[in-house]
Protein backbone atom coordinates (compact mmCIF):
# COMPACT_ATOMS: atom_id res chain seq x y z
CA UNK A 1 34.01 -24.77 -0.41
CA UNK A 2 35.96 -21.56 -1.11
CA UNK A 3 35.02 -18.43 0.80
CA UNK A 4 33.13 -16.73 -2.06
CA UNK A 5 30.96 -19.77 -2.75
CA UNK A 6 30.40 -20.17 0.96
CA UNK A 7 29.16 -16.58 1.20
CA UNK A 8 26.71 -17.07 -1.66
CA UNK A 9 25.56 -20.36 -0.12
CA UNK A 10 24.85 -18.67 3.21
CA UNK A 11 22.93 -15.82 1.55
CA UNK A 12 20.85 -18.29 -0.45
CA UNK A 13 19.99 -20.24 2.73
CA UNK A 14 18.12 -17.29 4.25
CA UNK A 15 14.32 -17.86 4.19
CA UNK A 16 12.42 -15.40 2.02
CA UNK A 17 10.39 -14.22 5.02
CA UNK A 18 13.55 -12.97 6.71
CA UNK A 19 14.92 -10.87 3.86
CA UNK A 20 12.97 -7.69 4.62
CA UNK A 21 14.17 -7.53 8.23
CA UNK A 22 17.54 -9.26 8.07
CA UNK A 23 20.14 -7.28 10.05
CA UNK A 24 22.84 -7.77 7.38
CA UNK A 25 20.71 -6.45 4.51
CA UNK A 26 22.48 -3.60 2.68
CA UNK A 27 19.62 -2.37 0.45
CA UNK A 28 15.97 -1.77 1.42
CA UNK A 29 13.77 -4.64 0.25
CA UNK A 30 10.10 -5.55 0.18
CA UNK A 31 8.37 -8.74 -0.90
CA UNK A 32 4.95 -8.88 -2.55
CA UNK A 33 2.82 -11.93 -3.04
CA UNK A 34 2.65 -12.25 -6.81
CA UNK A 35 3.09 -10.61 -10.19
CA UNK A 36 -0.36 -9.02 -10.13
CA UNK A 37 0.33 -7.27 -6.82
CA UNK A 38 3.75 -6.15 -7.99
CA UNK A 39 2.46 -4.72 -11.26
CA UNK A 40 -0.20 -2.69 -9.48
CA UNK A 41 2.37 -1.38 -7.00
CA UNK A 42 4.76 -0.33 -9.78
CA UNK A 43 2.01 1.52 -11.62
CA UNK A 44 0.55 3.19 -8.52
CA UNK A 45 3.89 4.49 -7.33
CA UNK A 46 4.86 5.97 -10.69
CA UNK A 47 1.45 7.60 -11.12
CA UNK A 48 1.67 9.07 -7.62
CA UNK A 49 5.11 10.53 -8.34
CA UNK A 50 3.81 12.15 -11.52
CA UNK A 51 0.74 13.52 -9.75
CA UNK A 52 2.93 15.12 -7.07
CA UNK A 53 5.11 16.67 -9.76
CA UNK A 54 2.06 18.00 -11.62
CA UNK A 55 0.70 19.54 -8.44
CA UNK A 56 4.02 21.31 -7.92
CA UNK A 57 4.07 22.51 -11.52
CA UNK A 58 7.34 20.72 -12.26
CA UNK A 59 8.72 18.63 -15.08
CA UNK A 60 9.06 14.94 -14.19
CA UNK A 61 12.08 13.18 -15.71
CA UNK A 62 12.03 9.40 -15.54
CA UNK A 63 14.04 6.44 -16.80
CA UNK A 64 11.71 3.64 -17.88
CA UNK A 65 12.55 0.00 -18.73
CA UNK A 66 10.92 -2.44 -21.10
CA UNK A 67 9.67 -4.82 -18.41
CA UNK A 68 8.73 -6.34 -16.13
CA UNK A 69 5.58 -6.50 -18.24
CA UNK A 70 3.11 -7.01 -15.39
CA UNK A 71 2.55 -3.29 -14.76
CA UNK A 72 1.60 -1.79 -18.12
CA UNK A 73 -2.12 -2.58 -18.03
CA UNK A 74 -2.43 -1.03 -14.56
CA UNK A 75 -0.32 1.95 -15.64
CA UNK A 76 -2.61 2.73 -18.58
CA UNK A 77 -5.74 2.14 -16.51
CA UNK A 78 -4.65 4.42 -13.65
CA UNK A 79 -3.53 7.24 -15.95
CA UNK A 80 -6.85 7.11 -17.78
CA UNK A 81 -9.06 6.70 -14.69
CA UNK A 82 -7.36 9.52 -12.78
CA UNK A 83 -6.93 11.69 -15.88
CA UNK A 84 -3.26 12.15 -15.07
CA UNK A 85 -1.59 14.54 -17.50
CA UNK A 86 1.76 13.29 -18.79
CA UNK A 87 2.43 16.49 -20.74
CA UNK A 88 5.32 17.49 -18.43
CA UNK A 89 6.84 14.00 -18.24
CA UNK A 90 10.11 13.33 -20.05
CA UNK A 91 10.85 9.63 -20.58
CA UNK A 92 14.31 8.18 -21.17
CA UNK A 93 13.99 4.60 -22.31
CA UNK A 94 16.55 2.41 -20.62
CA UNK A 95 17.95 0.23 -23.39
CA UNK A 96 17.41 -1.38 -26.77
CA UNK A 97 18.49 -4.63 -28.41
CA UNK A 98 20.64 -4.71 -31.55
CA UNK A 99 21.54 -7.31 -34.16
CA UNK A 100 25.04 -8.69 -34.76
CA UNK A 101 25.99 -5.58 -36.79
CA UNK A 102 24.80 -3.18 -34.10
CA UNK A 103 21.65 -2.28 -36.02
CA UNK A 104 18.11 -1.96 -34.72
CA UNK A 105 15.94 -5.08 -34.85
CA UNK A 106 12.93 -5.48 -37.16
CA UNK A 107 9.86 -3.71 -35.84
CA UNK A 108 8.04 -6.94 -34.96
CA UNK A 109 10.98 -8.76 -33.36
CA UNK A 110 9.98 -9.86 -29.80
CA UNK A 111 13.03 -8.04 -28.43
CA UNK A 112 12.33 -4.75 -30.19
CA UNK A 113 11.73 -2.71 -27.04
CA UNK A 114 10.54 0.42 -28.81
CA UNK A 115 7.73 -1.43 -30.54
CA UNK A 116 6.64 -2.96 -27.24
CA UNK A 117 6.69 0.35 -25.38
CA UNK A 118 4.85 2.27 -28.07
CA UNK A 119 2.07 -0.31 -27.87
CA UNK A 120 1.91 -1.04 -24.13
CA UNK A 121 3.28 2.05 -22.35
CA UNK A 122 1.97 4.81 -24.63
CA UNK A 123 -0.58 3.02 -26.80
CA UNK A 124 -3.62 2.93 -24.54
CA UNK A 125 -3.40 6.56 -23.36
CA UNK A 126 -5.32 9.30 -25.23
CA UNK A 127 -3.33 12.04 -26.91
CA UNK A 128 -4.65 14.75 -24.59
CA UNK A 129 -2.99 12.99 -21.62
CA UNK A 130 -0.01 11.26 -23.23
CA UNK A 131 3.69 12.05 -23.09
CA UNK A 132 4.50 14.39 -26.02
CA UNK A 133 6.46 12.63 -28.75
CA UNK A 134 9.32 15.12 -28.40
CA UNK A 135 9.69 14.11 -24.73
CA UNK A 136 10.17 10.41 -25.53
CA UNK A 137 13.84 9.47 -25.85
CA UNK A 138 14.50 6.04 -27.32
CA UNK A 139 18.02 4.66 -27.55
CA UNK A 140 19.65 3.60 -30.79
CA UNK A 141 23.20 3.81 -32.17
CA UNK A 142 22.16 7.04 -33.89
CA UNK A 143 20.56 8.70 -30.83
CA UNK A 144 23.18 7.87 -28.19
CA UNK A 145 24.86 11.27 -28.16
CA UNK A 146 21.60 13.20 -28.20
CA UNK A 147 20.10 11.15 -25.36
CA UNK A 148 23.26 11.56 -23.31
CA UNK A 149 23.15 15.32 -23.80
CA UNK A 150 19.46 15.50 -22.85
CA UNK A 151 19.73 13.24 -19.83
CA UNK A 152 22.40 15.40 -18.18
CA UNK A 153 20.62 18.71 -18.79
CA UNK A 154 18.69 18.37 -15.52
CA UNK A 155 18.34 15.89 -12.65
CA UNK A 156 16.46 12.63 -13.16
CA UNK A 157 13.62 12.20 -10.68
CA UNK A 158 13.00 8.48 -10.89
CA UNK A 159 14.62 5.35 -12.28
CA UNK A 160 12.29 2.40 -12.70
CA UNK A 161 13.68 -0.97 -13.70
CA UNK A 162 14.34 -4.62 -13.09
CA UNK A 163 17.52 -6.67 -12.85
CA UNK A 164 19.10 -9.46 -14.81
CA UNK A 165 20.36 -12.90 -13.90
CA UNK A 166 23.77 -11.43 -13.05
CA UNK A 167 22.23 -8.39 -11.38
CA UNK A 168 22.57 -6.14 -14.38
CA UNK A 169 20.74 -2.81 -14.32
CA UNK A 170 19.53 -1.85 -17.79
CA UNK A 171 22.04 -3.83 -19.89
CA UNK A 172 25.00 -3.06 -17.63
CA UNK A 173 26.18 -6.63 -17.28
CA UNK A 174 29.11 -8.14 -15.46
CA UNK A 175 31.97 -7.74 -17.93
CA UNK A 176 33.74 -11.02 -18.68
CA UNK A 177 36.11 -9.90 -21.40
CA UNK A 178 39.22 -12.07 -21.77
CA UNK A 179 41.68 -9.28 -22.54
CA UNK A 180 40.75 -6.63 -20.00
CA UNK A 181 39.14 -6.39 -16.60
CA UNK A 182 36.33 -3.89 -16.07
CA UNK A 183 36.72 -2.67 -12.52
CA UNK A 184 33.97 -1.67 -10.13
CA UNK A 185 34.96 1.97 -10.58
CA UNK A 186 34.68 1.69 -14.38
CA UNK A 187 31.25 0.09 -14.05
CA UNK A 188 30.12 2.72 -11.54
CA UNK A 189 31.04 5.53 -13.99
CA UNK A 190 29.73 3.85 -17.13
CA UNK A 191 27.54 5.98 -19.39
CA UNK A 192 25.51 5.27 -22.54
CA UNK A 193 27.25 2.64 -24.65
CA UNK A 194 26.88 -0.21 -27.13
CA UNK A 195 28.08 -3.68 -26.23
CA UNK A 196 28.02 -7.40 -26.99
CA UNK A 197 25.77 -9.21 -24.55
CA UNK A 198 27.20 -11.91 -22.31
CA UNK A 199 26.57 -15.55 -23.17
CA UNK A 200 24.52 -16.06 -20.01
CA UNK A 201 22.31 -13.09 -20.90
CA UNK A 202 21.68 -14.50 -24.37
CA UNK A 203 20.82 -17.93 -22.96
CA UNK A 204 18.57 -16.46 -20.29
CA UNK A 205 16.62 -14.43 -22.87
CA UNK A 206 16.42 -17.43 -25.20
CA UNK A 207 15.02 -19.59 -22.42
CA UNK A 208 12.55 -16.94 -21.31
CA UNK A 209 11.02 -16.03 -24.66
CA UNK A 210 12.23 -18.19 -27.54
CA UNK A 211 12.13 -21.79 -26.34
CA UNK A 212 15.92 -21.62 -25.81
CA UNK A 213 16.47 -20.84 -29.50
CA UNK A 214 19.52 -18.70 -28.74
CA UNK A 215 20.11 -18.29 -32.48
CA UNK A 216 17.36 -15.65 -32.55
CA UNK A 217 18.36 -13.64 -29.49
CA UNK A 218 19.89 -10.23 -30.36
CA UNK A 219 23.60 -10.44 -29.50
CA UNK A 220 24.16 -6.71 -28.92
CA UNK A 221 22.49 -3.86 -27.06
CA UNK A 222 22.66 -0.12 -26.48
CA UNK A 223 22.06 0.92 -22.90
CA UNK A 224 22.10 3.74 -20.40
CA UNK A 225 25.09 3.39 -18.11
CA UNK A 226 25.07 2.77 -14.39
CA UNK A 227 25.94 6.44 -13.90
CA UNK A 228 22.77 7.61 -15.67
CA UNK A 229 20.53 5.08 -13.91
CA UNK A 230 21.97 5.89 -10.48
CA UNK A 231 21.74 9.64 -11.02
CA UNK A 232 18.01 9.63 -10.24
CA UNK A 233 16.70 10.91 -6.94
CA UNK A 234 14.86 7.60 -6.47
CA UNK A 235 15.73 4.16 -7.88
CA UNK A 236 13.07 1.44 -7.81
CA UNK A 237 13.84 -2.02 -9.18
CA UNK A 238 11.26 -4.82 -9.43
CA UNK A 239 11.30 -8.48 -10.44
CA UNK A 240 8.69 -11.21 -10.79
CA UNK A 241 10.80 -13.59 -12.88
CA UNK A 242 11.46 -16.28 -10.29
CA UNK A 243 14.49 -18.56 -10.58
CA UNK A 244 16.26 -16.34 -13.13
CA UNK A 245 16.66 -13.55 -10.55
CA UNK A 246 16.88 -15.32 -7.17
CA UNK A 247 20.62 -15.44 -6.59
CA UNK A 248 21.28 -11.94 -7.95
CA UNK A 249 18.74 -10.62 -5.44
CA UNK A 250 20.50 -12.34 -2.53
CA UNK A 251 23.91 -11.06 -3.62
CA UNK A 252 22.53 -7.53 -4.03
CA UNK A 253 21.06 -7.58 -0.54
CA UNK A 254 24.10 -8.91 1.30
CA UNK A 255 27.32 -8.53 -0.72
CA UNK A 256 29.76 -5.68 -0.75
CA UNK A 257 29.80 -3.87 -4.13
CA UNK A 258 31.00 -6.38 -6.70
CA UNK A 259 31.49 -5.89 -10.44
CA UNK A 260 30.28 -9.46 -10.99
CA UNK A 261 26.84 -8.30 -9.77
CA UNK A 262 26.36 -4.65 -10.88
CA UNK A 263 23.20 -4.08 -8.83
CA UNK A 264 25.28 -4.32 -5.65
CA UNK A 265 26.16 -0.68 -6.45
CA UNK A 266 22.62 0.27 -5.41
CA UNK A 267 23.74 0.21 -1.79
CA UNK A 268 25.62 3.44 -2.58
CA UNK A 269 22.38 5.20 -3.56
CA UNK A 270 20.56 7.27 -0.90
CA UNK A 271 17.05 6.21 -1.99
CA UNK A 272 17.03 2.79 -3.65
CA UNK A 273 14.46 0.06 -3.09
CA UNK A 274 14.21 -3.51 -4.41
CA UNK A 275 10.87 -5.28 -4.75
CA UNK A 276 10.36 -8.94 -5.65
CA UNK A 277 7.53 -11.40 -5.75
CA UNK A 278 7.60 -14.26 -3.27
CA UNK A 279 8.52 -16.60 -6.12
CA UNK A 280 11.62 -14.48 -6.81
CA UNK A 281 12.52 -13.88 -3.16
CA UNK A 282 12.50 -17.57 -2.33
CA UNK A 283 15.54 -19.71 -3.12
CA UNK A 284 15.70 -23.51 -3.53
CA UNK A 285 18.80 -23.67 -1.30
CA UNK A 286 16.77 -22.11 1.53
CA UNK A 287 14.10 -24.81 1.06
CA UNK A 288 16.53 -27.76 1.08
CA UNK A 289 18.81 -27.70 4.11
CA UNK A 290 19.65 -31.35 3.41
CA UNK A 291 21.48 -30.50 0.17
CA UNK A 292 25.28 -30.83 0.12
CA UNK A 293 26.72 -28.32 -2.34
């Protein structure tokens, strides 16, 4: 076994119960029992941050993903129950999927993130509390320059997100282009851009949502860069997706920064925190010491 595979093997052997306190862990981590607990935690923490900002009379600038989906019902419920005003919240949506020509998807496509967010993030909140339309910044090929200009006008308070099967943050994937190598420094300084999605990303999304019908997965995306996502004062990433995210989590917790797993760059952030359900924190290699790999 070569040294890189051996490292990954050793990280995957660590029992889930040891991840939070492991002495070699490079990023703060917490494990929650299930998706329901994680969704409530995501919603509570964001609401609390907004309440603190409101009390201080400040604008709250936040980067928001489309998913994990477990938190939206609690988010809407808490905002409505506590009567939390979102009038001074500015939302930068993290990414959007595109078709093969780099155009936006049909409104009712399952990977049209804007449609989903308008229904589930904004839809259940009354107008007197909701984020003003002019403070909602959705990404598209046409809005890239405007969003970039707006996002750098003032500091971002909070980045909320998940991670992909290769540890991508937003759609900042490991770059496997045959004719050039994207270095760690290039990835670290990446800003808003359009791109073709990696084959493994397309297959992962097909398996998750479309019965592995990869023919219907959008092949392109427009995304905030790592630089924008990491510019926030706090970065909070969550996952409840299980096997799809297990190895990326282990690499993020224990590897040196590595362009093959972009979320390893989080260890350079002063206030980053990863949260995963038990099902995502566990790893089959840790449960089968008898395996020979």
